[in-house]
Amino acid sequence: MRILVGVLSALLVLGLAASVEAARGGGGGRGGVKAALKPLVGTVVSVDGTNVKISKKGKAGEAAQDVVVETDANTVITVDGVAAKLTDLQPGMSVKVTPSTGKATKIEATSKKAGAGGRNKNK
């Protein structure tokens, strides 16, 4: 009887874990995990409190769409490779936000001044 209860308990735990993963969008494979790890790339539209509105680049033939990204005190923000604050983000800056969904843990911005050449080392 104890063995049966142990087996049923283990099955219950596995079932609950699978339902939690499915609710998170994990599906059956790792596609949901890989999608979340891929950064969100776009352009800053505005900063409002702890949120950043980003114009997300669309796929070929699709229009760009605005996405609101939540941040918190643990979000690491850099501008041109230098530590920055949320208020340093300006409209028009190119950004890469990680992860692409949920609260941002990292926002890497590039100012217009740095251009395509990367970090502006003459600051």
PDB file of N, CA and C in Angstrom:
ATOM      1  N   MET A   1       0.812  -1.186   0.000  1.00  0.00           N
ATOM      2  CA  MET A   1       0.000   0.000   0.000  1.00  0.00           C
ATOM      3  C   MET A   1       0.864   1.261   0.000  1.00  0.00           C
ATOM      4  N   ARG A   2       1.975   1.250   0.775  1.00  0.00           N
ATOM      5  CA  ARG A   2       2.870   2.394   0.812  1.00  0.00           C
ATOM      6  C   ARG A   2       3.517   2.629  -0.544  1.00  0.00           C
ATOM      7  N   ILE A   3       3.844   1.576  -1.236  1.00  0.00           N
ATOM      8  CA  ILE A   3       4.461   1.704  -2.561  1.00  0.00           C
ATOM      9  C   ILE A   3       3.475   2.361  -3.523  1.00  0.00           C
ATOM     10  N   LEU A   4       2.236   1.935  -3.481  1.00  0.00           N
ATOM     11  CA  LEU A   4       1.206   2.500  -4.347  1.00  0.00           C
ATOM     12  C   LEU A   4       1.027   4.000  -4.066  1.00  0.00           C
ATOM     13  N   VAL A   5       0.988   4.386  -2.808  1.00  0.00           N
ATOM     14  CA  VAL A   5       0.856   5.799  -2.448  1.00  0.00           C
ATOM     15  C   VAL A   5       2.070   6.581  -2.941  1.00  0.00           C
ATOM     16  N   GLY A   6       3.259   6.015  -2.808  1.00  0.00           N
ATOM     17  CA  GLY A   6       4.483   6.676  -3.276  1.00  0.00           C
ATOM     18  C   GLY A   6       4.471   6.877  -4.781  1.00  0.00           C
ATOM     19  N   VAL A   7       4.059   5.864  -5.526  1.00  0.00           N
ATOM     20  CA  VAL A   7       4.007   5.955  -6.984  1.00  0.00           C
ATOM     21  C   VAL A   7       2.971   6.993  -7.414  1.00  0.00           C
ATOM     22  N   LEU A   8       1.802   6.965  -6.800  1.00  0.00           N
ATOM     23  CA  LEU A   8       0.764   7.930  -7.141  1.00  0.00           C
ATOM     24  C   LEU A   8       1.191   9.359  -6.803  1.00  0.00           C
ATOM     25  N   SER A   9       1.898   9.528  -5.701  1.00  0.00           N
ATOM     26  CA  SER A   9       2.401  10.858  -5.326  1.00  0.00           C
ATOM     27  C   SER A   9       3.399  11.366  -6.360  1.00  0.00           C
ATOM     28  N   ALA A  10       4.290  10.489  -6.802  1.00  0.00           N
ATOM     29  CA  ALA A  10       5.286  10.870  -7.810  1.00  0.00           C
ATOM     30  C   ALA A  10       4.597  11.261  -9.117  1.00  0.00           C
ATOM     31  N   LEU A  11       3.592  10.504  -9.531  1.00  0.00           N
ATOM     32  CA  LEU A  11       2.863  10.828 -10.751  1.00  0.00           C
ATOM     33  C   LEU A  11       2.132  12.163 -10.628  1.00  0.00           C
ATOM     34  N   LEU A  12       1.586  12.440  -9.473  1.00  0.00           N
ATOM     35  CA  LEU A  12       0.906  13.705  -9.238  1.00  0.00           C
ATOM     36  C   LEU A  12       1.879  14.873  -9.363  1.00  0.00           C
ATOM     37  N   VAL A  13       3.059  14.744  -8.776  1.00  0.00           N
ATOM     38  CA  VAL A  13       4.073  15.797  -8.852  1.00  0.00           C
ATOM     39  C   VAL A  13       4.501  16.015 -10.299  1.00  0.00           C
ATOM     40  N   LEU A  14       4.737  14.945 -11.048  1.00  0.00           N
ATOM     41  CA  LEU A  14       5.132  15.078 -12.448  1.00  0.00           C
ATOM     42  C   LEU A  14       4.026  15.725 -13.273  1.00  0.00           C
ATOM     43  N   GLY A  15       2.787  15.363 -13.008  1.00  0.00           N
ATOM     44  CA  GLY A  15       1.662  15.955 -13.721  1.00  0.00           C
ATOM     45  C   GLY A  15       1.537  17.440 -13.463  1.00  0.00           C
ATOM     46  N   LEU A  16       1.722  17.844 -12.216  1.00  0.00           N
ATOM     47  CA  LEU A  16       1.664  19.264 -11.869  1.00  0.00           C
ATOM     48  C   LEU A  16       2.805  20.033 -12.528  1.00  0.00           C
ATOM     49  N   ALA A  17       3.985  19.460 -12.529  1.00  0.00           N
ATOM     50  CA  ALA A  17       5.136  20.116 -13.157  1.00  0.00           C
ATOM     51  C   ALA A  17       4.899  20.295 -14.651  1.00  0.00           C
ATOM     52  N   ALA A  18       4.331  19.295 -15.305  1.00  0.00           N
ATOM     53  CA  ALA A  18       4.064  19.390 -16.740  1.00  0.00           C
ATOM     54  C   ALA A  18       3.012  20.454 -17.031  1.00  0.00           C
ATOM     55  N   SER A  19       1.992  20.562 -16.176  1.00  0.00           N
ATOM     56  CA  SER A  19       0.956  21.567 -16.413  1.00  0.00           C
ATOM     57  C   SER A  19       1.488  22.979 -16.191  1.00  0.00           C
ATOM     58  N   VAL A  20       2.384  23.152 -15.238  1.00  0.00           N
ATOM     59  CA  VAL A  20       3.002  24.460 -15.020  1.00  0.00           C
ATOM     60  C   VAL A  20       3.850  24.837 -16.228  1.00  0.00           C
ATOM     61  N   GLU A  21       4.614  23.915 -16.756  1.00  0.00           N
ATOM     62  CA  GLU A  21       5.446  24.170 -17.936  1.00  0.00           C
ATOM     63  C   GLU A  21       4.577  24.514 -19.136  1.00  0.00           C
ATOM     64  N   ALA A  22       3.475  23.813 -19.316  1.00  0.00           N
ATOM     65  CA  ALA A  22       2.579  24.095 -20.433  1.00  0.00           C
ATOM     66  C   ALA A  22       1.955  25.475 -20.283  1.00  0.00           C
ATOM     67  N   ALA A  23       1.622  25.866 -19.064  1.00  0.00           N
ATOM     68  CA  ALA A  23       1.036  27.181 -18.823  1.00  0.00           C
ATOM     69  C   ALA A  23       2.030  28.301 -19.111  1.00  0.00           C
ATOM     70  N   ARG A  24       3.281  28.028 -18.911  1.00  0.00           N
ATOM     71  CA  ARG A  24       4.328  29.015 -19.216  1.00  0.00           C
ATOM     72  C   ARG A  24       4.606  29.098 -20.705  1.00  0.00           C
ATOM     73  N   GLY A  25       4.028  28.232 -21.491  1.00  0.00           N
ATOM     74  CA  GLY A  25       4.256  28.255 -22.927  1.00  0.00           C
ATOM     75  C   GLY A  25       5.414  27.388 -23.346  1.00  0.00           C
ATOM     76  N   GLY A  26       5.833  26.496 -22.479  1.00  0.00           N
ATOM     77  CA  GLY A  26       6.965  25.645 -22.800  1.00  0.00           C
ATOM     78  C   GLY A  26       6.653  24.577 -23.814  1.00  0.00           C
ATOM     79  N   GLY A  27       5.370  24.279 -24.016  1.00  0.00           N
ATOM     80  CA  GLY A  27       5.012  23.235 -24.972  1.00  0.00           C
ATOM     81  C   GLY A  27       5.593  21.920 -24.529  1.00  0.00           C
ATOM     82  N   GLY A  28       5.996  21.107 -25.445  1.00  0.00           N
ATOM     83  CA  GLY A  28       6.599  19.836 -25.092  1.00  0.00           C
ATOM     84  C   GLY A  28       8.093  19.868 -25.267  1.00  0.00           C
ATOM     85  N   GLY A  29       8.569  20.813 -26.084  1.00  0.00           N
ATOM     86  CA  GLY A  29      10.003  20.864 -26.363  1.00  0.00           C
ATOM     87  C   GLY A  29      10.628  22.075 -25.722  1.00  0.00           C
ATOM     88  N   ARG A  30      11.740  22.499 -26.289  1.00  0.00           N
ATOM     89  CA  ARG A  30      12.458  23.646 -25.741  1.00  0.00           C
ATOM     90  C   ARG A  30      12.214  24.912 -26.537  1.00  0.00           C
ATOM     91  N   GLY A  31      11.278  24.900 -27.463  1.00  0.00           N
ATOM     92  CA  GLY A  31      11.002  26.070 -28.290  1.00  0.00           C
ATOM     93  C   GLY A  31      10.657  27.288 -27.473  1.00  0.00           C
ATOM     94  N   GLY A  32       9.840  27.134 -26.421  1.00  0.00           N
ATOM     95  CA  GLY A  32       9.464  28.257 -25.579  1.00  0.00           C
ATOM     96  C   GLY A  32      10.658  28.837 -24.856  1.00  0.00           C
ATOM     97  N   VAL A  33      11.563  27.990 -24.416  1.00  0.00           N
ATOM     98  CA  VAL A  33      12.764  28.444 -23.717  1.00  0.00           C
ATOM     99  C   VAL A  33      13.668  29.196 -24.678  1.00  0.00           C
ATOM    100  N   LYS A  34      13.871  28.661 -25.875  1.00  0.00           N
ATOM    101  CA  LYS A  34      14.734  29.321 -26.854  1.00  0.00           C
ATOM    102  C   LYS A  34      14.166  30.665 -27.269  1.00  0.00           C
ATOM    103  N   ALA A  35      12.844  30.739 -27.448  1.00  0.00           N
ATOM    104  CA  ALA A  35      12.224  32.007 -27.835  1.00  0.00           C
ATOM    105  C   ALA A  35      12.415  33.058 -26.756  1.00  0.00           C
ATOM    106  N   ALA A  36      12.324  32.678 -25.494  1.00  0.00           N
ATOM    107  CA  ALA A  36      12.488  33.630 -24.394  1.00  0.00           C
ATOM    108  C   ALA A  36      13.934  34.093 -24.284  1.00  0.00           C
ATOM    109  N   LEU A  37      14.888  33.241 -24.654  1.00  0.00           N
ATOM    110  CA  LEU A  37      16.290  33.612 -24.562  1.00  0.00           C
ATOM    111  C   LEU A  37      16.710  34.540 -25.691  1.00  0.00           C
ATOM    112  N   LYS A  38      15.997  34.505 -26.806  1.00  0.00           N
ATOM    113  CA  LYS A  38      16.314  35.376 -27.930  1.00  0.00           C
ATOM    114  C   LYS A  38      15.938  36.800 -27.535  1.00  0.00           C
ATOM    115  N   PRO A  39      16.852  37.761 -27.692  1.00  0.00           N
ATOM    116  CA  PRO A  39      16.537  39.124 -27.254  1.00  0.00           C
ATOM    117  C   PRO A  39      15.522  39.815 -28.162  1.00  0.00           C
ATOM    118  N   LEU A  40      14.863  40.813 -27.602  1.00  0.00           N
ATOM    119  CA  LEU A  40      13.954  41.678 -28.339  1.00  0.00           C
ATOM    120  C   LEU A  40      14.799  42.817 -28.892  1.00  0.00           C
ATOM    121  N   VAL A  41      14.739  43.052 -30.186  1.00  0.00           N
ATOM    122  CA  VAL A  41      15.535  44.092 -30.825  1.00  0.00           C
ATOM    123  C   VAL A  41      14.597  45.140 -31.401  1.00  0.00           C
ATOM    124  N   GLY A  42      14.909  46.404 -31.145  1.00  0.00           N
ATOM    125  CA  GLY A  42      14.057  47.470 -31.659  1.00  0.00           C
ATOM    126  C   GLY A  42      14.622  48.841 -31.365  1.00  0.00           C
ATOM    127  N   THR A  43      13.718  49.819 -31.338  1.00  0.00           N
ATOM    128  CA  THR A  43      14.090  51.212 -31.135  1.00  0.00           C
ATOM    129  C   THR A  43      13.241  51.793 -30.013  1.00  0.00           C
ATOM    130  N   VAL A  44      13.868  52.569 -29.125  1.00  0.00           N
ATOM    131  CA  VAL A  44      13.141  53.189 -28.015  1.00  0.00           C
ATOM    132  C   VAL A  44      12.146  54.199 -28.575  1.00  0.00           C
ATOM    133  N   VAL A  45      10.895  54.090 -28.124  1.00  0.00           N
ATOM    134  CA  VAL A  45       9.856  55.060 -28.470  1.00  0.00           C
ATOM    135  C   VAL A  45       9.708  56.049 -27.318  1.00  0.00           C
ATOM    136  N   SER A  46       9.615  55.507 -26.075  1.00  0.00           N
ATOM    137  CA  SER A  46       9.471  56.376 -24.909  1.00  0.00           C
ATOM    138  C   SER A  46       9.795  55.602 -23.637  1.00  0.00           C
ATOM    139  N   VAL A  47      10.017  56.349 -22.555  1.00  0.00           N
ATOM    140  CA  VAL A  47      10.220  55.778 -21.225  1.00  0.00           C
ATOM    141  C   VAL A  47       9.157  56.391 -20.326  1.00  0.00           C
ATOM    142  N   ASP A  48       8.423  55.523 -19.613  1.00  0.00           N
ATOM    143  CA  ASP A  48       7.358  55.994 -18.735  1.00  0.00           C
ATOM    144  C   ASP A  48       7.457  55.244 -17.416  1.00  0.00           C
ATOM    145  N   GLY A  49       7.968  55.911 -16.377  1.00  0.00           N
ATOM    146  CA  GLY A  49       8.143  55.259 -15.080  1.00  0.00           C
ATOM    147  C   GLY A  49       9.173  54.148 -15.176  1.00  0.00           C
ATOM    148  N   THR A  50       8.741  52.910 -14.944  1.00  0.00           N
ATOM    149  CA  THR A  50       9.651  51.767 -15.030  1.00  0.00           C
ATOM    150  C   THR A  50       9.448  50.978 -16.319  1.00  0.00           C
ATOM    151  N   ASN A  51       8.661  51.527 -17.242  1.00  0.00           N
ATOM    152  CA  ASN A  51       8.393  50.848 -18.508  1.00  0.00           C
ATOM    153  C   ASN A  51       9.067  51.565 -19.672  1.00  0.00           C
ATOM    154  N   VAL A  52       9.485  50.777 -20.648  1.00  0.00           N
ATOM    155  CA  VAL A  52      10.070  51.314 -21.865  1.00  0.00           C
ATOM    156  C   VAL A  52       9.213  50.833 -23.032  1.00  0.00           C
ATOM    157  N   LYS A  53       8.776  51.766 -23.868  1.00  0.00           N
ATOM    158  CA  LYS A  53       8.034  51.384 -25.073  1.00  0.00           C
ATOM    159  C   LYS A  53       9.045  51.272 -26.202  1.00  0.00           C
ATOM    160  N   ILE A  54       9.045  50.097 -26.848  1.00  0.00           N
ATOM    161  CA  ILE A  54      10.001  49.809 -27.907  1.00  0.00           C
ATOM    162  C   ILE A  54       9.257  49.474 -29.190  1.00  0.00           C
ATOM    163  N   SER A  55       9.722  50.029 -30.288  1.00  0.00           N
ATOM    164  CA  SER A  55       9.185  49.671 -31.592  1.00  0.00           C
ATOM    165  C   SER A  55       9.975  48.455 -32.062  1.00  0.00           C
ATOM    166  N   LYS A  56       9.292  47.305 -32.054  1.00  0.00           N
ATOM    167  CA  LYS A  56       9.916  46.027 -32.411  1.00  0.00           C
ATOM    168  C   LYS A  56       9.944  45.894 -33.917  1.00  0.00           C
ATOM    169  N   LYS A  57      11.118  45.563 -34.442  1.00  0.00           N
ATOM    170  CA  LYS A  57      11.243  45.368 -35.881  1.00  0.00           C
ATOM    171  C   LYS A  57      10.407  44.178 -36.311  1.00  0.00           C
ATOM    172  N   GLY A  58       9.633  44.371 -37.372  1.00  0.00           N
ATOM    173  CA  GLY A  58       8.816  43.286 -37.892  1.00  0.00           C
ATOM    174  C   GLY A  58       9.615  42.414 -38.838  1.00  0.00           C
ATOM    175  N   LYS A  59       9.095  41.227 -39.091  1.00  0.00           N
ATOM    176  CA  LYS A  59       9.715  40.345 -40.072  1.00  0.00           C
ATOM    177  C   LYS A  59       9.509  40.943 -41.452  1.00  0.00           C
ATOM    178  N   ALA A  60      10.183  40.406 -42.440  1.00  0.00           N
ATOM    179  CA  ALA A  60      10.064  40.913 -43.799  1.00  0.00           C
ATOM    180  C   ALA A  60       8.596  40.991 -44.206  1.00  0.00           C
ATOM    181  N   GLY A  61       8.172  42.158 -44.657  1.00  0.00           N
ATOM    182  CA  GLY A  61       6.804  42.351 -45.091  1.00  0.00           C
ATOM    183  C   GLY A  61       5.836  42.705 -43.980  1.00  0.00           C
ATOM    184  N   GLU A  62       6.276  42.690 -42.732  1.00  0.00           N
ATOM    185  CA  GLU A  62       5.415  43.035 -41.603  1.00  0.00           C
ATOM    186  C   GLU A  62       5.776  44.410 -41.065  1.00  0.00           C
ATOM    187  N   ALA A  63       4.794  45.120 -40.573  1.00  0.00           N
ATOM    188  CA  ALA A  63       5.032  46.432 -39.968  1.00  0.00           C
ATOM    189  C   ALA A  63       5.620  46.257 -38.570  1.00  0.00           C
ATOM    190  N   ALA A  64       6.380  47.256 -38.143  1.00  0.00           N
ATOM    191  CA  ALA A  64       6.916  47.241 -36.775  1.00  0.00           C
ATOM    192  C   ALA A  64       5.753  47.399 -35.807  1.00  0.00           C
ATOM    193  N   GLN A  65       5.907  46.856 -34.590  1.00  0.00           N
ATOM    194  CA  GLN A  65       4.868  47.001 -33.582  1.00  0.00           C
ATOM    195  C   GLN A  65       5.480  47.457 -32.269  1.00  0.00           C
ATOM    196  N   ASP A  66       4.725  48.270 -31.528  1.00  0.00           N
ATOM    197  CA  ASP A  66       5.200  48.771 -30.249  1.00  0.00           C
ATOM    198  C   ASP A  66       4.975  47.728 -29.167  1.00  0.00           C
ATOM    199  N   VAL A  67       5.998  47.556 -28.313  1.00  0.00           N
ATOM    200  CA  VAL A  67       5.953  46.612 -27.204  1.00  0.00           C
ATOM    201  C   VAL A  67       6.357  47.368 -25.945  1.00  0.00           C
ATOM    202  N   VAL A  68       5.614  47.172 -24.856  1.00  0.00           N
ATOM    203  CA  VAL A  68       5.971  47.796 -23.578  1.00  0.00           C
ATOM    204  C   VAL A  68       6.770  46.778 -22.768  1.00  0.00           C
ATOM    205  N   VAL A  69       7.965  47.173 -22.355  1.00  0.00           N
ATOM    206  CA  VAL A  69       8.862  46.305 -21.603  1.00  0.00           C
ATOM    207  C   VAL A  69       8.926  46.796 -20.159  1.00  0.00           C
ATOM    208  N   GLU A  70       8.676  45.882 -19.228  1.00  0.00           N
ATOM    209  CA  GLU A  70       8.761  46.217 -17.807  1.00  0.00           C
ATOM    210  C   GLU A  70      10.199  46.074 -17.330  1.00  0.00           C
ATOM    211  N   THR A  71      10.590  46.955 -16.418  1.00  0.00           N
ATOM    212  CA  THR A  71      11.912  46.870 -15.794  1.00  0.00           C
ATOM    213  C   THR A  71      11.728  46.916 -14.282  1.00  0.00           C
ATOM    214  N   ASP A  72      12.802  46.628 -13.563  1.00  0.00           N
ATOM    215  CA  ASP A  72      12.801  46.778 -12.109  1.00  0.00           C
ATOM    216  C   ASP A  72      14.192  47.196 -11.664  1.00  0.00           C
ATOM    217  N   ALA A  73      14.420  47.236 -10.377  1.00  0.00           N
ATOM    218  CA  ALA A  73      15.709  47.685  -9.836  1.00  0.00           C
ATOM    219  C   ALA A  73      16.857  46.773 -10.230  1.00  0.00           C
ATOM    220  N   ASN A  74      16.564  45.536 -10.624  1.00  0.00           N
ATOM    221  CA  ASN A  74      17.617  44.586 -11.000  1.00  0.00           C
ATOM    222  C   ASN A  74      17.950  44.600 -12.488  1.00  0.00           C
ATOM    223  N   THR A  75      17.222  45.380 -13.282  1.00  0.00           N
ATOM    224  CA  THR A  75      17.488  45.447 -14.719  1.00  0.00           C
ATOM    225  C   THR A  75      18.808  46.174 -14.953  1.00  0.00           C
ATOM    226  N   VAL A  76      19.715  45.528 -15.672  1.00  0.00           N
ATOM    227  CA  VAL A  76      21.022  46.116 -15.994  1.00  0.00           C
ATOM    228  C   VAL A  76      20.882  46.858 -17.317  1.00  0.00           C
ATOM    229  N   ILE A  77      21.203  48.154 -17.292  1.00  0.00           N
ATOM    230  CA  ILE A  77      21.061  48.990 -18.482  1.00  0.00           C
ATOM    231  C   ILE A  77      22.417  49.546 -18.866  1.00  0.00           C
ATOM    232  N   THR A  78      22.740  49.443 -20.152  1.00  0.00           N
ATOM    233  CA  THR A  78      23.965  50.046 -20.668  1.00  0.00           C
ATOM    234  C   THR A  78      23.627  50.868 -21.911  1.00  0.00           C
ATOM    235  N   VAL A  79      24.363  51.967 -22.085  1.00  0.00           N
ATOM    236  CA  VAL A  79      24.274  52.776 -23.290  1.00  0.00           C
ATOM    237  C   VAL A  79      25.682  52.861 -23.857  1.00  0.00           C
ATOM    238  N   ASP A  80      25.853  52.393 -25.068  1.00  0.00           N
ATOM    239  CA  ASP A  80      27.170  52.347 -25.717  1.00  0.00           C
ATOM    240  C   ASP A  80      28.192  51.606 -24.857  1.00  0.00           C
ATOM    241  N   GLY A  81      27.731  50.567 -24.155  1.00  0.00           N
ATOM    242  CA  GLY A  81      28.609  49.733 -23.350  1.00  0.00           C
ATOM    243  C   GLY A  81      28.925  50.272 -21.970  1.00  0.00           C
ATOM    244  N   VAL A  82      28.358  51.413 -21.606  1.00  0.00           N
ATOM    245  CA  VAL A  82      28.617  52.041 -20.313  1.00  0.00           C
ATOM    246  C   VAL A  82      27.359  51.927 -19.445  1.00  0.00           C
ATOM    247  N   ALA A  83      27.535  51.620 -18.146  1.00  0.00           N
ATOM    248  CA  ALA A  83      26.401  51.505 -17.236  1.00  0.00           C
ATOM    249  C   ALA A  83      25.561  52.775 -17.292  1.00  0.00           C
ATOM    250  N   ALA A  84      24.237  52.590 -17.294  1.00  0.00           N
ATOM    251  CA  ALA A  84      23.337  53.728 -17.424  1.00  0.00           C
ATOM    252  C   ALA A  84      22.086  53.495 -16.582  1.00  0.00           C
ATOM    253  N   LYS A  85      21.208  54.512 -16.551  1.00  0.00           N
ATOM    254  CA  LYS A  85      19.925  54.431 -15.863  1.00  0.00           C
ATOM    255  C   LYS A  85      18.818  54.405 -16.905  1.00  0.00           C
ATOM    256  N   LEU A  86      17.645  54.002 -16.478  1.00  0.00           N
ATOM    257  CA  LEU A  86      16.497  53.951 -17.375  1.00  0.00           C
ATOM    258  C   LEU A  86      16.240  55.313 -18.008  1.00  0.00           C
ATOM    259  N   THR A  87      16.428  56.373 -17.240  1.00  0.00           N
ATOM    260  CA  THR A  87      16.183  57.724 -17.748  1.00  0.00           C
ATOM    261  C   THR A  87      17.190  58.148 -18.817  1.00  0.00           C
ATOM    262  N   ASP A  88      18.291  57.395 -18.962  1.00  0.00           N
ATOM    263  CA  ASP A  88      19.280  57.693 -20.003  1.00  0.00           C
ATOM    264  C   ASP A  88      18.832  57.198 -21.375  1.00  0.00           C
ATOM    265  N   LEU A  89      17.830  56.325 -21.394  1.00  0.00           N
ATOM    266  CA  LEU A  89      17.328  55.822 -22.673  1.00  0.00           C
ATOM    267  C   LEU A  89      16.514  56.923 -23.345  1.00  0.00           C
ATOM    268  N   GLN A  90      16.841  57.197 -24.600  1.00  0.00           N
ATOM    269  CA  GLN A  90      16.189  58.267 -25.340  1.00  0.00           C
ATOM    270  C   GLN A  90      15.494  57.715 -26.586  1.00  0.00           C
ATOM    271  N   PRO A  91      14.389  58.344 -27.003  1.00  0.00           N
ATOM    272  CA  PRO A  91      13.716  57.909 -28.230  1.00  0.00           C
ATOM    273  C   PRO A  91      14.688  57.874 -29.408  1.00  0.00           C
ATOM    274  N   GLY A  92      14.577  56.818 -30.190  1.00  0.00           N
ATOM    275  CA  GLY A  92      15.440  56.662 -31.360  1.00  0.00           C
ATOM    276  C   GLY A  92      16.649  55.766 -31.125  1.00  0.00           C
ATOM    277  N   MET A  93      16.989  55.494 -29.852  1.00  0.00           N
ATOM    278  CA  MET A  93      18.125  54.617 -29.566  1.00  0.00           C
ATOM    279  C   MET A  93      17.786  53.179 -29.966  1.00  0.00           C
ATOM    280  N   SER A  94      18.748  52.493 -30.530  1.00  0.00           N
ATOM    281  CA  SER A  94      18.592  51.069 -30.813  1.00  0.00           C
ATOM    282  C   SER A  94      18.805  50.308 -29.521  1.00  0.00           C
ATOM    283  N   VAL A  95      17.957  49.288 -29.275  1.00  0.00           N
ATOM    284  CA  VAL A  95      18.072  48.521 -28.044  1.00  0.00           C
ATOM    285  C   VAL A  95      17.961  47.024 -28.311  1.00  0.00           C
ATOM    286  N   LYS A  96      18.587  46.276 -27.402  1.00  0.00           N
ATOM    287  CA  LYS A  96      18.461  44.821 -27.364  1.00  0.00           C
ATOM    288  C   LYS A  96      18.064  44.487 -25.934  1.00  0.00           C
ATOM    289  N   VAL A  97      16.875  43.892 -25.774  1.00  0.00           N
ATOM    290  CA  VAL A  97      16.322  43.599 -24.455  1.00  0.00           C
ATOM    291  C   VAL A  97      16.324  42.099 -24.227  1.00  0.00           C
ATOM    292  N   THR A  98      16.835  41.673 -23.071  1.00  0.00           N
ATOM    293  CA  THR A  98      16.867  40.260 -22.706  1.00  0.00           C
ATOM    294  C   THR A  98      16.161  40.097 -21.373  1.00  0.00           C
ATOM    295  N   PRO A  99      15.271  39.131 -21.226  1.00  0.00           N
ATOM    296  CA  PRO A  99      14.714  38.256 -22.254  1.00  0.00           C
ATOM    297  C   PRO A  99      13.672  39.002 -23.072  1.00  0.00           C
ATOM    298  N   SER A 100      13.180  38.358 -24.126  1.00  0.00           N
ATOM    299  CA  SER A 100      12.229  39.015 -25.029  1.00  0.00           C
ATOM    300  C   SER A 100      10.833  39.087 -24.442  1.00  0.00           C
ATOM    301  N   THR A 101      10.565  38.330 -23.377  1.00  0.00           N
ATOM    302  CA  THR A 101       9.257  38.383 -22.723  1.00  0.00           C
ATOM    303  C   THR A 101       9.455  38.523 -21.220  1.00  0.00           C
ATOM    304  N   GLY A 102       8.454  39.050 -20.544  1.00  0.00           N
ATOM    305  CA  GLY A 102       8.559  39.222 -19.095  1.00  0.00           C
ATOM    306  C   GLY A 102       9.372  40.455 -18.744  1.00  0.00           C
ATOM    307  N   LYS A 103       9.784  40.536 -17.470  1.00  0.00           N
ATOM    308  CA  LYS A 103      10.599  41.668 -17.018  1.00  0.00           C
ATOM    309  C   LYS A 103      11.985  41.605 -17.628  1.00  0.00           C
ATOM    310  N   ALA A 104      12.459  42.753 -18.064  1.00  0.00           N
ATOM    311  CA  ALA A 104      13.792  42.826 -18.652  1.00  0.00           C
ATOM    312  C   ALA A 104      14.857  42.646 -17.578  1.00  0.00           C
ATOM    313  N   THR A 105      15.837  41.800 -17.855  1.00  0.00           N
ATOM    314  CA  THR A 105      16.982  41.669 -16.958  1.00  0.00           C
ATOM    315  C   THR A 105      18.159  42.485 -17.479  1.00  0.00           C
ATOM    316  N   LYS A 106      18.156  42.732 -18.807  1.00  0.00           N
ATOM    317  CA  LYS A 106      19.252  43.492 -19.403  1.00  0.00           C
ATOM    318  C   LYS A 106      18.734  44.279 -20.595  1.00  0.00           C
ATOM    319  N   ILE A 107      19.124  45.553 -20.671  1.00  0.00           N
ATOM    320  CA  ILE A 107      18.817  46.392 -21.829  1.00  0.00           C
ATOM    321  C   ILE A 107      20.128  46.996 -22.301  1.00  0.00           C
ATOM    322  N   GLU A 108      20.481  46.684 -23.538  1.00  0.00           N
ATOM    323  CA  GLU A 108      21.701  47.228 -24.142  1.00  0.00           C
ATOM    324  C   GLU A 108      21.275  48.220 -25.215  1.00  0.00           C
ATOM    325  N   ALA A 109      21.633  49.494 -25.019  1.00  0.00           N
ATOM    326  CA  ALA A 109      21.240  50.540 -25.959  1.00  0.00           C
ATOM    327  C   ALA A 109      22.456  51.097 -26.675  1.00  0.00           C
ATOM    328  N   THR A 110      22.210  51.565 -27.882  1.00  0.00           N
ATOM    329  CA  THR A 110      23.249  52.223 -28.667  1.00  0.00           C
ATOM    330  C   THR A 110      22.725  53.597 -29.041  1.00  0.00           C
ATOM    331  N   SER A 111      23.494  54.636 -28.670  1.00  0.00           N
ATOM    332  CA  SER A 111      23.058  55.990 -28.987  1.00  0.00           C
ATOM    333  C   SER A 111      23.283  56.279 -30.460  1.00  0.00           C
ATOM    334  N   LYS A 112      22.608  57.290 -30.942  1.00  0.00           N
ATOM    335  CA  LYS A 112      22.776  57.681 -32.340  1.00  0.00           C
ATOM    336  C   LYS A 112      24.201  58.159 -32.587  1.00  0.00           C
ATOM    337  N   LYS A 113      24.815  58.752 -31.554  1.00  0.00           N
ATOM    338  CA  LYS A 113      26.179  59.280 -31.687  1.00  0.00           C
ATOM    339  C   LYS A 113      27.187  58.175 -31.965  1.00  0.00           C
ATOM    340  N   ALA A 114      26.996  57.013 -31.323  1.00  0.00           N
ATOM    341  CA  ALA A 114      27.942  55.916 -31.496  1.00  0.00           C
ATOM    342  C   ALA A 114      27.835  55.336 -32.891  1.00  0.00           C
ATOM    343  N   GLY A 115      26.637  55.430 -33.487  1.00  0.00           N
ATOM    344  CA  GLY A 115      26.442  54.960 -34.856  1.00  0.00           C
ATOM    345  C   GLY A 115      26.687  53.483 -35.004  1.00  0.00           C
ATOM    346  N   ALA A 116      26.845  53.056 -36.234  1.00  0.00           N
ATOM    347  CA  ALA A 116      27.033  51.642 -36.541  1.00  0.00           C
ATOM    348  C   ALA A 116      28.403  51.154 -36.126  1.00  0.00           C
ATOM    349  N   GLY A 117      29.324  52.079 -35.855  1.00  0.00           N
ATOM    350  CA  GLY A 117      30.674  51.680 -35.500  1.00  0.00           C
ATOM    351  C   GLY A 117      30.795  51.137 -34.104  1.00  0.00           C
ATOM    352  N   GLY A 118      29.695  51.152 -33.335  1.00  0.00           N
ATOM    353  CA  GLY A 118      29.731  50.589 -32.001  1.00  0.00           C
ATOM    354  C   GLY A 118      29.963  51.644 -30.955  1.00  0.00           C
ATOM    355  N   ARG A 119      30.698  51.285 -29.927  1.00  0.00           N
ATOM    356  CA  ARG A 119      30.899  52.126 -28.761  1.00  0.00           C
ATOM    357  C   ARG A 119      31.705  53.381 -29.104  1.00  0.00           C
ATOM    358  N   ASN A 120      31.268  54.497 -28.588  1.00  0.00           N
ATOM    359  CA  ASN A 120      31.959  55.768 -28.774  1.00  0.00           C
ATOM    360  C   ASN A 120      33.002  55.887 -27.668  1.00  0.00           C
ATOM    361  N   LYS A 121      34.259  55.659 -27.984  1.00  0.00           N
ATOM    362  CA  LYS A 121      35.313  55.626 -26.974  1.00  0.00           C
ATOM    363  C   LYS A 121      35.881  57.017 -26.677  1.00  0.00           C
ATOM    364  N   ASN A 122      35.459  58.043 -27.408  1.00  0.00           N
ATOM    365  CA  ASN A 122      36.000  59.385 -27.202  1.00  0.00           C
ATOM    366  C   ASN A 122      35.168  60.217 -26.256  1.00  0.00           C
ATOM    367  N   LYS A 123      34.372  59.612 -25.421  1.00  0.00           N
ATOM    368  CA  LYS A 123      33.536  60.357 -24.469  1.00  0.00           C
ATOM    369  C   LYS A 123      34.351  60.877 -23.329  1.00  0.00           C
TER     370      LYS A 123
END
